[in-house]
């Protein structure tokens, strides 16, 4: 009988002993808290980069629209100035394009006049993305910029390991003239 009583006493002592509970709870909760913390950090950085992509698209369009004409050097300088916006994030995955669109009064559609950048649009074609109806004013011009960026999280296990594709577009009207000339292009006025 003595061994049974001894075992019961040891089991009762074990059940009443609370010394290891804090360590056990800590071991269970810490991994969850770390995932939440790093997830919040990564998500916040992703939102910040997305905002910078939007600002970059607007800046490219705005800087181009402030000129009466542009050339390859000026376009290169605009891209360089624009990409400085992405600091402190890497510039390498950014893909930017600047185009001028003409709203044809006969067809009431946007057509590309000229395009420069990562994936230039074909002159005379329609832009990749539809122009908002409010901007389709016959016989006018728009500077259209498109920016694509692959955001790669620092800790890929919390968010998308391969990265998140971010993109934005911006439209502005030329400010100093009817259109922004590039090379030998002219401003058609139908």
N, C-alpha and C. Protein backbone atom coordinates (compact mmCIF):
# COMPACT_ATOMS: atom_id res chain seq x y z
N UNK A 1 0.80 -1.19 0.00
CA UNK A 1 0.00 0.00 0.00
C UNK A 1 0.85 1.25 0.00
N UNK A 2 1.91 1.14 0.55
CA UNK A 2 2.75 2.31 0.63
C UNK A 2 3.14 2.84 -0.76
N UNK A 3 3.49 2.01 -1.75
CA UNK A 3 3.83 2.55 -3.07
C UNK A 3 2.65 3.26 -3.73
N UNK A 4 1.42 2.80 -3.51
CA UNK A 4 0.25 3.44 -4.12
C UNK A 4 0.05 4.82 -3.50
N UNK A 5 0.15 4.90 -2.19
CA UNK A 5 0.00 6.18 -1.51
C UNK A 5 1.10 7.15 -1.94
N UNK A 6 2.29 6.63 -2.07
CA UNK A 6 3.42 7.45 -2.52
C UNK A 6 3.16 8.01 -3.92
N UNK A 7 2.67 7.16 -4.82
CA UNK A 7 2.37 7.60 -6.20
C UNK A 7 1.26 8.64 -6.21
N UNK A 8 0.23 8.44 -5.39
CA UNK A 8 -0.86 9.41 -5.33
C UNK A 8 -0.36 10.76 -4.83
N UNK A 9 0.47 10.70 -3.80
CA UNK A 9 1.01 11.94 -3.24
C UNK A 9 1.85 12.66 -4.28
N UNK A 10 2.69 11.94 -4.98
CA UNK A 10 3.54 12.54 -6.02
C UNK A 10 2.69 13.15 -7.14
N UNK A 11 1.63 12.43 -7.53
CA UNK A 11 0.75 12.93 -8.59
C UNK A 11 0.02 14.19 -8.11
N UNK A 12 -0.44 14.20 -6.89
CA UNK A 12 -1.13 15.37 -6.33
C UNK A 12 -0.16 16.55 -6.23
N UNK A 13 1.07 16.29 -5.83
CA UNK A 13 2.08 17.35 -5.78
C UNK A 13 2.35 17.90 -7.18
N UNK A 14 2.41 17.03 -8.14
CA UNK A 14 2.66 17.44 -9.53
C UNK A 14 1.54 18.33 -10.05
N UNK A 15 0.28 17.96 -9.75
CA UNK A 15 -0.87 18.73 -10.21
C UNK A 15 -0.90 20.10 -9.54
N UNK A 16 -0.54 20.20 -8.28
CA UNK A 16 -0.58 21.47 -7.56
C UNK A 16 0.62 22.37 -7.89
N UNK A 17 1.68 21.82 -8.41
CA UNK A 17 2.89 22.59 -8.69
C UNK A 17 2.66 23.53 -9.88
N UNK A 18 2.83 24.84 -9.68
CA UNK A 18 2.57 25.85 -10.71
C UNK A 18 3.86 26.53 -11.19
N UNK A 19 4.98 26.07 -10.79
CA UNK A 19 6.23 26.74 -11.12
C UNK A 19 6.54 26.78 -12.61
N UNK A 20 6.16 25.84 -13.41
CA UNK A 20 6.51 25.79 -14.83
C UNK A 20 5.44 26.35 -15.75
N UNK A 21 4.32 26.82 -15.21
CA UNK A 21 3.21 27.27 -16.05
C UNK A 21 3.60 28.51 -16.86
N UNK A 22 4.26 29.46 -16.26
CA UNK A 22 4.64 30.68 -16.98
C UNK A 22 5.57 30.35 -18.14
N UNK A 23 6.51 29.47 -17.91
CA UNK A 23 7.43 29.09 -18.98
C UNK A 23 6.70 28.37 -20.11
N UNK A 24 5.75 27.53 -19.76
CA UNK A 24 4.97 26.81 -20.78
C UNK A 24 4.12 27.78 -21.58
N UNK A 25 3.44 28.70 -20.90
CA UNK A 25 2.62 29.70 -21.61
C UNK A 25 3.49 30.56 -22.52
N UNK A 26 4.65 30.95 -22.02
CA UNK A 26 5.59 31.74 -22.81
C UNK A 26 6.00 30.98 -24.07
N UNK A 27 6.31 29.72 -23.93
CA UNK A 27 6.73 28.91 -25.08
C UNK A 27 5.63 28.75 -26.12
N UNK A 28 4.38 28.75 -25.68
CA UNK A 28 3.25 28.60 -26.61
C UNK A 28 2.92 29.93 -27.28
N UNK A 29 2.98 31.03 -26.54
CA UNK A 29 2.51 32.32 -27.04
C UNK A 29 3.58 33.06 -27.85
N UNK A 30 4.85 32.93 -27.54
CA UNK A 30 5.90 33.69 -28.23
C UNK A 30 5.90 33.47 -29.74
N UNK A 31 5.81 32.26 -30.26
CA UNK A 31 5.80 32.12 -31.73
C UNK A 31 4.63 32.85 -32.38
N UNK A 32 3.48 32.81 -31.76
CA UNK A 32 2.30 33.50 -32.31
C UNK A 32 2.53 35.02 -32.28
N UNK A 33 3.05 35.53 -31.19
CA UNK A 33 3.31 36.96 -31.07
C UNK A 33 4.38 37.42 -32.06
N UNK A 34 5.41 36.61 -32.28
CA UNK A 34 6.44 36.98 -33.25
C UNK A 34 5.87 37.03 -34.66
N UNK A 35 5.04 36.08 -35.02
CA UNK A 35 4.41 36.09 -36.35
C UNK A 35 3.53 37.33 -36.50
N UNK A 36 2.76 37.67 -35.49
CA UNK A 36 1.93 38.87 -35.53
C UNK A 36 2.79 40.13 -35.64
N UNK A 37 3.85 40.21 -34.87
CA UNK A 37 4.72 41.39 -34.91
C UNK A 37 5.36 41.55 -36.28
N UNK A 38 6.02 40.50 -36.78
CA UNK A 38 6.69 40.61 -38.08
C UNK A 38 5.68 40.79 -39.22
N UNK A 39 4.51 40.19 -39.08
CA UNK A 39 3.46 40.40 -40.08
C UNK A 39 3.02 41.85 -40.14
N UNK A 40 2.88 42.46 -38.98
CA UNK A 40 2.49 43.87 -38.92
C UNK A 40 3.58 44.76 -39.53
N UNK A 41 4.84 44.46 -39.22
CA UNK A 41 5.95 45.23 -39.77
C UNK A 41 5.98 45.10 -41.29
N UNK A 42 5.87 43.88 -41.81
CA UNK A 42 5.91 43.66 -43.26
C UNK A 42 4.72 44.32 -43.95
N UNK A 43 3.54 44.19 -43.35
CA UNK A 43 2.36 44.81 -43.94
C UNK A 43 2.51 46.33 -43.99
N UNK A 44 3.02 46.91 -42.91
CA UNK A 44 3.22 48.36 -42.86
C UNK A 44 4.21 48.82 -43.92
N UNK A 45 5.29 48.07 -44.10
CA UNK A 45 6.27 48.42 -45.14
C UNK A 45 5.64 48.29 -46.52
N UNK A 46 4.82 47.26 -46.72
CA UNK A 46 4.13 47.09 -48.00
C UNK A 46 3.22 48.26 -48.31
N UNK A 47 2.50 48.75 -47.31
CA UNK A 47 1.63 49.91 -47.50
C UNK A 47 2.47 51.15 -47.83
N UNK A 48 3.60 51.31 -47.15
CA UNK A 48 4.48 52.45 -47.42
C UNK A 48 5.03 52.40 -48.84
N UNK A 49 5.45 51.22 -49.29
CA UNK A 49 5.96 51.08 -50.66
C UNK A 49 4.85 51.34 -51.66
N UNK A 50 3.65 50.85 -51.40
CA UNK A 50 2.53 51.08 -52.31
C UNK A 50 2.25 52.58 -52.45
N UNK A 51 2.33 53.30 -51.35
CA UNK A 51 2.14 54.76 -51.40
C UNK A 51 3.23 55.43 -52.22
N UNK A 52 4.45 54.96 -52.08
CA UNK A 52 5.56 55.52 -52.85
C UNK A 52 5.39 55.22 -54.35
N UNK A 53 4.84 54.08 -54.69
CA UNK A 53 4.57 53.76 -56.11
C UNK A 53 3.54 54.74 -56.67
N UNK A 54 2.52 55.05 -55.90
CA UNK A 54 1.51 56.02 -56.33
C UNK A 54 2.13 57.41 -56.51
N UNK A 55 2.95 57.82 -55.56
CA UNK A 55 3.61 59.13 -55.66
C UNK A 55 4.56 59.16 -56.85
N UNK A 56 5.26 58.06 -57.11
CA UNK A 56 6.16 57.98 -58.26
C UNK A 56 5.40 58.15 -59.56
N UNK A 57 4.27 57.47 -59.71
CA UNK A 57 3.47 57.59 -60.94
C UNK A 57 3.01 59.03 -61.13
N UNK A 58 2.56 59.66 -60.08
CA UNK A 58 2.10 61.05 -60.17
C UNK A 58 3.25 62.00 -60.49
N UNK A 59 4.41 61.75 -59.91
CA UNK A 59 5.57 62.61 -60.14
C UNK A 59 6.03 62.52 -61.59
N UNK A 60 6.13 61.31 -62.13
CA UNK A 60 6.56 61.15 -63.52
C UNK A 60 5.63 61.90 -64.47
N UNK A 61 4.34 61.74 -64.26
CA UNK A 61 3.35 62.42 -65.09
C UNK A 61 3.43 63.93 -64.91
N UNK A 62 3.55 64.37 -63.68
CA UNK A 62 3.59 65.81 -63.38
C UNK A 62 4.83 66.48 -63.95
N UNK A 63 6.00 65.88 -63.75
CA UNK A 63 7.24 66.48 -64.26
C UNK A 63 7.23 66.55 -65.79
N UNK A 64 6.68 65.55 -66.43
CA UNK A 64 6.62 65.56 -67.89
C UNK A 64 5.65 66.63 -68.38
N UNK A 65 4.53 66.78 -67.72
CA UNK A 65 3.50 67.73 -68.16
C UNK A 65 3.94 69.18 -68.00
N UNK A 66 5.00 69.44 -67.25
CA UNK A 66 5.47 70.81 -67.05
C UNK A 66 6.37 71.30 -68.18
N UNK A 67 6.63 70.46 -69.18
CA UNK A 67 7.51 70.82 -70.29
C UNK A 67 6.69 71.04 -71.56
N UNK A 68 7.27 71.83 -72.48
CA UNK A 68 6.63 71.99 -73.79
C UNK A 68 7.14 70.93 -74.75
N UNK A 69 8.36 70.45 -74.52
CA UNK A 69 8.92 69.36 -75.32
C UNK A 69 9.92 68.59 -74.46
N UNK A 70 10.12 67.34 -74.80
CA UNK A 70 11.06 66.49 -74.08
C UNK A 70 11.94 65.74 -75.07
N UNK A 71 13.10 65.32 -74.58
CA UNK A 71 13.99 64.47 -75.37
C UNK A 71 14.45 63.32 -74.48
N UNK A 72 15.28 62.45 -75.02
CA UNK A 72 15.71 61.27 -74.25
C UNK A 72 16.44 61.64 -72.96
N UNK A 73 17.26 62.68 -73.01
CA UNK A 73 18.00 63.10 -71.82
C UNK A 73 17.05 63.59 -70.73
N UNK A 74 16.09 64.43 -71.12
CA UNK A 74 15.14 64.95 -70.14
C UNK A 74 14.26 63.84 -69.57
N UNK A 75 13.82 62.93 -70.43
CA UNK A 75 13.02 61.78 -69.94
C UNK A 75 13.84 60.95 -68.96
N UNK A 76 15.13 60.72 -69.29
CA UNK A 76 16.01 59.98 -68.38
C UNK A 76 16.15 60.68 -67.04
N UNK A 77 16.28 62.01 -67.07
CA UNK A 77 16.38 62.78 -65.83
C UNK A 77 15.08 62.70 -65.03
N UNK A 78 13.95 62.71 -65.70
CA UNK A 78 12.66 62.59 -65.01
C UNK A 78 12.55 61.23 -64.33
N UNK A 79 12.96 60.17 -65.03
CA UNK A 79 12.95 58.83 -64.42
C UNK A 79 13.89 58.78 -63.21
N UNK A 80 15.07 59.37 -63.34
CA UNK A 80 16.03 59.37 -62.24
C UNK A 80 15.49 60.13 -61.03
N UNK A 81 14.92 61.31 -61.28
CA UNK A 81 14.35 62.10 -60.19
C UNK A 81 13.18 61.36 -59.55
N UNK A 82 12.38 60.72 -60.37
CA UNK A 82 11.22 60.00 -59.85
C UNK A 82 11.60 58.81 -58.99
N UNK A 83 12.59 58.07 -59.42
CA UNK A 83 12.96 56.88 -58.66
C UNK A 83 13.58 57.22 -57.31
N UNK A 84 14.06 58.44 -57.13
CA UNK A 84 14.58 58.85 -55.82
C UNK A 84 13.47 58.81 -54.77
N UNK A 85 12.23 58.87 -55.21
CA UNK A 85 11.09 58.82 -54.29
C UNK A 85 11.06 57.49 -53.53
N UNK A 86 11.55 56.43 -54.17
CA UNK A 86 11.47 55.11 -53.56
C UNK A 86 12.45 54.89 -52.40
N UNK A 87 13.33 55.84 -52.16
CA UNK A 87 14.28 55.71 -51.06
C UNK A 87 13.52 55.49 -49.76
N UNK A 88 13.88 54.58 -48.94
CA UNK A 88 15.06 53.72 -48.83
C UNK A 88 14.86 52.33 -49.43
N UNK A 89 13.79 52.13 -50.18
CA UNK A 89 13.51 50.81 -50.77
C UNK A 89 14.29 50.64 -52.06
N UNK A 90 14.58 49.40 -52.46
CA UNK A 90 15.37 49.17 -53.67
C UNK A 90 14.66 49.69 -54.92
N UNK A 91 15.44 50.29 -55.82
CA UNK A 91 14.90 50.84 -57.05
C UNK A 91 14.87 49.78 -58.15
N UNK A 92 15.67 48.75 -58.01
CA UNK A 92 15.84 47.74 -59.08
C UNK A 92 14.54 47.14 -59.61
N UNK A 93 13.54 46.80 -58.79
CA UNK A 93 12.37 46.17 -59.40
C UNK A 93 11.35 47.13 -60.01
N UNK A 94 11.65 48.45 -60.08
CA UNK A 94 10.66 49.41 -60.60
C UNK A 94 10.64 49.37 -62.13
N UNK A 95 9.43 49.43 -62.70
CA UNK A 95 9.24 49.45 -64.15
C UNK A 95 8.31 50.63 -64.45
N UNK A 96 8.86 51.68 -65.07
CA UNK A 96 8.09 52.90 -65.31
C UNK A 96 7.99 53.20 -66.80
N UNK A 97 6.86 53.76 -67.19
CA UNK A 97 6.63 54.18 -68.57
C UNK A 97 5.89 55.51 -68.56
N UNK A 98 6.33 56.43 -69.44
CA UNK A 98 5.66 57.72 -69.62
C UNK A 98 5.18 57.78 -71.06
N UNK A 99 3.93 58.18 -71.26
CA UNK A 99 3.36 58.27 -72.60
C UNK A 99 2.52 59.54 -72.71
N UNK A 100 2.37 60.00 -73.95
CA UNK A 100 1.42 61.08 -74.20
C UNK A 100 0.27 60.50 -75.00
N UNK A 101 -0.94 60.81 -74.57
CA UNK A 101 -2.15 60.32 -75.22
C UNK A 101 -2.89 61.48 -75.86
N UNK A 102 -3.47 61.22 -77.03
CA UNK A 102 -4.30 62.21 -77.71
C UNK A 102 -5.72 61.65 -77.76
N UNK A 103 -6.69 62.46 -77.35
CA UNK A 103 -8.08 62.04 -77.39
C UNK A 103 -8.63 62.41 -78.77
N UNK A 104 -8.80 61.42 -79.62
CA UNK A 104 -9.25 61.62 -81.00
C UNK A 104 -10.72 62.02 -81.01
N UNK A 105 -11.03 63.21 -81.60
CA UNK A 105 -12.43 63.66 -81.60
C UNK A 105 -13.33 62.84 -82.52
N UNK A 106 -12.75 62.12 -83.47
CA UNK A 106 -13.56 61.30 -84.38
C UNK A 106 -14.02 60.00 -83.73
N UNK A 107 -13.12 59.39 -82.96
CA UNK A 107 -13.45 58.09 -82.35
C UNK A 107 -13.73 58.20 -80.85
N UNK A 108 -13.43 59.36 -80.26
CA UNK A 108 -13.62 59.60 -78.82
C UNK A 108 -12.81 58.60 -77.97
N UNK A 109 -11.66 58.22 -78.49
CA UNK A 109 -10.78 57.30 -77.76
C UNK A 109 -9.38 57.89 -77.64
N UNK A 110 -8.62 57.38 -76.69
CA UNK A 110 -7.23 57.82 -76.49
C UNK A 110 -6.31 57.02 -77.38
N UNK A 111 -5.37 57.72 -78.01
CA UNK A 111 -4.35 57.08 -78.84
C UNK A 111 -2.97 57.57 -78.39
N UNK A 112 -2.01 56.67 -78.41
CA UNK A 112 -0.66 56.99 -77.96
C UNK A 112 0.04 57.85 -79.02
N UNK A 113 0.59 59.01 -78.58
CA UNK A 113 1.38 59.87 -79.46
C UNK A 113 2.85 59.43 -79.42
N UNK A 114 3.39 59.31 -78.22
CA UNK A 114 4.75 58.82 -78.00
C UNK A 114 4.80 58.15 -76.64
N UNK A 115 5.81 57.30 -76.46
CA UNK A 115 5.92 56.56 -75.21
C UNK A 115 7.38 56.19 -74.97
N UNK A 116 7.83 56.33 -73.73
CA UNK A 116 9.20 56.00 -73.34
C UNK A 116 9.19 55.30 -72.01
N UNK A 117 10.16 54.41 -71.81
CA UNK A 117 10.31 53.77 -70.51
C UNK A 117 10.52 52.28 -70.62
N UNK A 118 10.14 51.58 -69.56
CA UNK A 118 10.40 50.14 -69.45
C UNK A 118 9.67 49.35 -70.53
N UNK A 119 8.38 49.61 -70.71
CA UNK A 119 7.61 48.92 -71.76
C UNK A 119 6.80 49.96 -72.52
N UNK A 120 7.47 50.67 -73.47
CA UNK A 120 6.78 51.75 -74.19
C UNK A 120 5.61 51.22 -75.01
N UNK A 121 4.59 52.04 -75.09
CA UNK A 121 3.40 51.70 -75.87
C UNK A 121 3.65 52.07 -77.33
N UNK A 122 2.96 51.40 -78.23
CA UNK A 122 3.11 51.64 -79.66
C UNK A 122 2.36 52.90 -80.05
N UNK A 123 3.03 53.85 -80.73
CA UNK A 123 2.33 55.06 -81.18
C UNK A 123 1.14 54.71 -82.08
N UNK A 124 0.03 55.38 -81.85
CA UNK A 124 -1.19 55.12 -82.61
C UNK A 124 -2.10 54.08 -81.99
N UNK A 125 -1.58 53.36 -81.01
CA UNK A 125 -2.40 52.32 -80.36
C UNK A 125 -3.13 52.90 -79.15
N UNK A 126 -4.05 52.11 -78.64
CA UNK A 126 -4.75 52.50 -77.42
C UNK A 126 -3.88 52.15 -76.21
N UNK A 127 -3.98 52.91 -75.12
CA UNK A 127 -3.19 52.56 -73.92
C UNK A 127 -3.64 51.22 -73.35
N UNK A 128 -2.76 50.61 -72.55
CA UNK A 128 -3.05 49.31 -71.94
C UNK A 128 -4.27 49.35 -71.03
N UNK A 129 -4.39 50.42 -70.28
CA UNK A 129 -5.52 50.56 -69.34
C UNK A 129 -6.48 51.60 -69.90
N UNK A 130 -7.77 51.38 -69.74
CA UNK A 130 -8.73 52.37 -70.25
C UNK A 130 -8.61 53.71 -69.52
N UNK A 131 -8.73 54.78 -70.30
CA UNK A 131 -8.68 56.13 -69.73
C UNK A 131 -10.04 56.41 -69.08
N UNK A 132 -10.05 56.97 -67.87
CA UNK A 132 -11.33 57.29 -67.24
C UNK A 132 -12.18 58.21 -68.13
N UNK A 133 -13.45 57.95 -68.17
CA UNK A 133 -14.37 58.68 -69.04
C UNK A 133 -14.31 60.18 -68.81
N UNK A 134 -14.14 60.61 -67.59
CA UNK A 134 -14.10 62.04 -67.27
C UNK A 134 -12.92 62.75 -67.95
N UNK A 135 -11.87 62.01 -68.30
CA UNK A 135 -10.69 62.61 -68.93
C UNK A 135 -10.76 62.59 -70.46
N UNK A 136 -11.74 61.93 -71.02
CA UNK A 136 -11.85 61.82 -72.48
C UNK A 136 -12.50 63.08 -73.07
N UNK A 137 -11.72 64.15 -73.12
CA UNK A 137 -12.17 65.41 -73.71
C UNK A 137 -11.59 65.47 -75.11
N UNK A 138 -12.46 65.48 -76.13
CA UNK A 138 -12.02 65.43 -77.53
C UNK A 138 -11.01 66.52 -77.86
N UNK A 139 -9.97 66.11 -78.60
CA UNK A 139 -8.96 67.04 -79.08
C UNK A 139 -7.95 67.50 -78.05
N UNK A 140 -7.90 66.85 -76.88
CA UNK A 140 -6.94 67.24 -75.84
C UNK A 140 -5.88 66.15 -75.66
N UNK A 141 -4.89 66.47 -74.87
CA UNK A 141 -3.78 65.56 -74.62
C UNK A 141 -3.70 65.21 -73.14
N UNK A 142 -3.15 64.05 -72.86
CA UNK A 142 -2.90 63.61 -71.49
C UNK A 142 -1.50 63.03 -71.41
N UNK A 143 -0.82 63.31 -70.33
CA UNK A 143 0.44 62.62 -70.03
C UNK A 143 0.06 61.46 -69.11
N UNK A 144 0.42 60.27 -69.52
CA UNK A 144 0.04 59.04 -68.83
C UNK A 144 1.30 58.36 -68.33
N UNK A 145 1.36 58.08 -67.06
CA UNK A 145 2.51 57.34 -66.53
C UNK A 145 2.01 56.08 -65.83
N UNK A 146 2.78 55.03 -65.99
CA UNK A 146 2.45 53.76 -65.36
C UNK A 146 3.69 53.25 -64.64
N UNK A 147 3.51 52.81 -63.40
CA UNK A 147 4.61 52.30 -62.59
C UNK A 147 4.22 50.92 -62.06
N UNK A 148 5.15 49.97 -62.20
CA UNK A 148 4.98 48.64 -61.62
C UNK A 148 6.18 48.37 -60.73
N UNK A 149 5.92 47.71 -59.60
CA UNK A 149 6.98 47.47 -58.63
C UNK A 149 6.73 46.13 -57.95
N UNK A 150 7.76 45.32 -57.86
CA UNK A 150 7.66 44.04 -57.14
C UNK A 150 8.23 44.24 -55.74
N UNK A 151 7.33 44.30 -54.76
CA UNK A 151 7.76 44.45 -53.37
C UNK A 151 8.07 43.08 -52.80
N UNK A 152 9.31 42.90 -52.36
CA UNK A 152 9.71 41.64 -51.76
C UNK A 152 9.92 41.85 -50.27
N UNK A 153 9.06 41.22 -49.47
CA UNK A 153 9.17 41.40 -48.02
C UNK A 153 10.51 40.90 -47.49
N UNK A 154 10.97 41.53 -46.42
CA UNK A 154 12.23 41.13 -45.79
C UNK A 154 12.12 39.72 -45.22
N UNK A 155 11.00 39.45 -44.58
CA UNK A 155 10.75 38.12 -44.02
C UNK A 155 9.63 37.50 -44.85
N UNK A 156 9.98 36.67 -45.78
CA UNK A 156 9.00 36.13 -46.72
C UNK A 156 8.05 35.09 -46.15
N UNK A 157 8.29 34.64 -44.93
CA UNK A 157 7.44 33.60 -44.38
C UNK A 157 6.12 34.14 -43.83
N UNK A 158 6.08 35.44 -43.58
CA UNK A 158 4.89 36.04 -43.02
C UNK A 158 3.94 36.47 -44.13
N UNK A 159 4.49 37.09 -45.17
CA UNK A 159 3.69 37.52 -46.33
C UNK A 159 4.08 36.66 -47.53
N UNK A 160 3.73 37.11 -48.70
CA UNK A 160 4.03 36.38 -49.94
C UNK A 160 5.53 36.25 -50.12
N UNK A 161 6.00 35.02 -50.18
CA UNK A 161 7.44 34.76 -50.28
C UNK A 161 8.02 35.28 -51.59
N UNK A 162 7.27 35.15 -52.69
CA UNK A 162 7.75 35.58 -54.00
C UNK A 162 7.63 37.08 -54.21
N UNK A 163 6.91 37.78 -53.35
CA UNK A 163 6.74 39.22 -53.48
C UNK A 163 5.31 39.60 -53.83
N UNK A 164 5.05 40.88 -53.79
CA UNK A 164 3.72 41.42 -54.08
C UNK A 164 3.86 42.43 -55.22
N UNK A 165 3.10 42.25 -56.30
CA UNK A 165 3.14 43.18 -57.42
C UNK A 165 2.29 44.40 -57.10
N UNK A 166 2.94 45.57 -57.12
CA UNK A 166 2.25 46.83 -56.88
C UNK A 166 2.29 47.64 -58.18
N UNK A 167 1.24 48.37 -58.48
CA UNK A 167 1.23 49.21 -59.68
C UNK A 167 0.27 50.36 -59.50
N UNK A 168 0.50 51.41 -60.29
CA UNK A 168 -0.40 52.56 -60.30
C UNK A 168 -0.18 53.33 -61.60
N UNK A 169 -1.18 54.13 -61.95
CA UNK A 169 -1.12 54.98 -63.14
C UNK A 169 -1.51 56.40 -62.72
N UNK A 170 -1.08 57.37 -63.52
CA UNK A 170 -1.45 58.76 -63.28
C UNK A 170 -1.64 59.46 -64.61
N UNK A 171 -2.57 60.40 -64.63
CA UNK A 171 -2.85 61.21 -65.82
C UNK A 171 -2.74 62.68 -65.44
N UNK A 172 -2.08 63.47 -66.27
CA UNK A 172 -2.08 64.92 -66.10
C UNK A 172 -2.20 65.56 -67.48
N UNK A 173 -2.69 66.77 -67.51
CA UNK A 173 -2.77 67.52 -68.75
C UNK A 173 -1.51 68.35 -68.90
N UNK A 174 -1.03 68.53 -70.13
CA UNK A 174 0.14 69.42 -70.33
C UNK A 174 -0.17 70.81 -69.79
N UNK A 175 0.81 71.43 -69.13
CA UNK A 175 0.57 72.72 -68.49
C UNK A 175 1.05 73.91 -69.30
N UNK A 176 2.16 73.77 -70.02
CA UNK A 176 2.78 74.90 -70.70
C UNK A 176 2.37 75.04 -72.16
N UNK A 177 1.76 74.00 -72.72
CA UNK A 177 1.36 74.04 -74.13
C UNK A 177 0.21 73.05 -74.32
N UNK A 178 -0.27 72.98 -75.54
CA UNK A 178 -1.38 72.08 -75.85
C UNK A 178 -0.94 70.63 -75.67
N UNK A 179 0.29 70.34 -76.12
CA UNK A 179 0.84 68.99 -75.96
C UNK A 179 2.31 69.08 -75.62
N UNK A 180 2.89 67.96 -75.21
CA UNK A 180 4.33 67.88 -74.94
C UNK A 180 4.96 67.17 -76.13
N UNK A 181 5.80 67.90 -76.85
CA UNK A 181 6.42 67.34 -78.05
C UNK A 181 7.59 66.43 -77.68
N UNK A 182 7.74 65.38 -78.46
CA UNK A 182 8.91 64.49 -78.31
C UNK A 182 9.45 64.23 -79.70
N UNK A 183 10.73 64.48 -79.89
CA UNK A 183 11.35 64.23 -81.18
C UNK A 183 10.67 65.02 -82.30
N UNK A 184 10.21 64.34 -83.31
CA UNK A 184 9.59 65.00 -84.46
C UNK A 184 8.07 64.97 -84.40
N UNK A 185 7.50 64.61 -83.26
CA UNK A 185 6.04 64.57 -83.17
C UNK A 185 5.45 65.97 -83.28
N UNK A 186 4.25 66.04 -83.74
CA UNK A 186 3.51 67.29 -83.81
C UNK A 186 2.24 67.14 -83.01
N UNK A 187 1.56 68.24 -82.77
CA UNK A 187 0.32 68.22 -82.03
C UNK A 187 -0.83 68.24 -83.04
N UNK A 188 -1.43 67.08 -83.33
CA UNK A 188 -2.56 67.14 -84.26
C UNK A 188 -3.75 67.83 -83.60
N UNK A 189 -4.40 68.63 -84.35
CA UNK A 189 -5.59 69.32 -83.85
C UNK A 189 -6.71 69.12 -84.87
N UNK A 190 -7.50 68.10 -84.66
CA UNK A 190 -8.61 67.82 -85.58
C UNK A 190 -9.83 68.59 -85.21
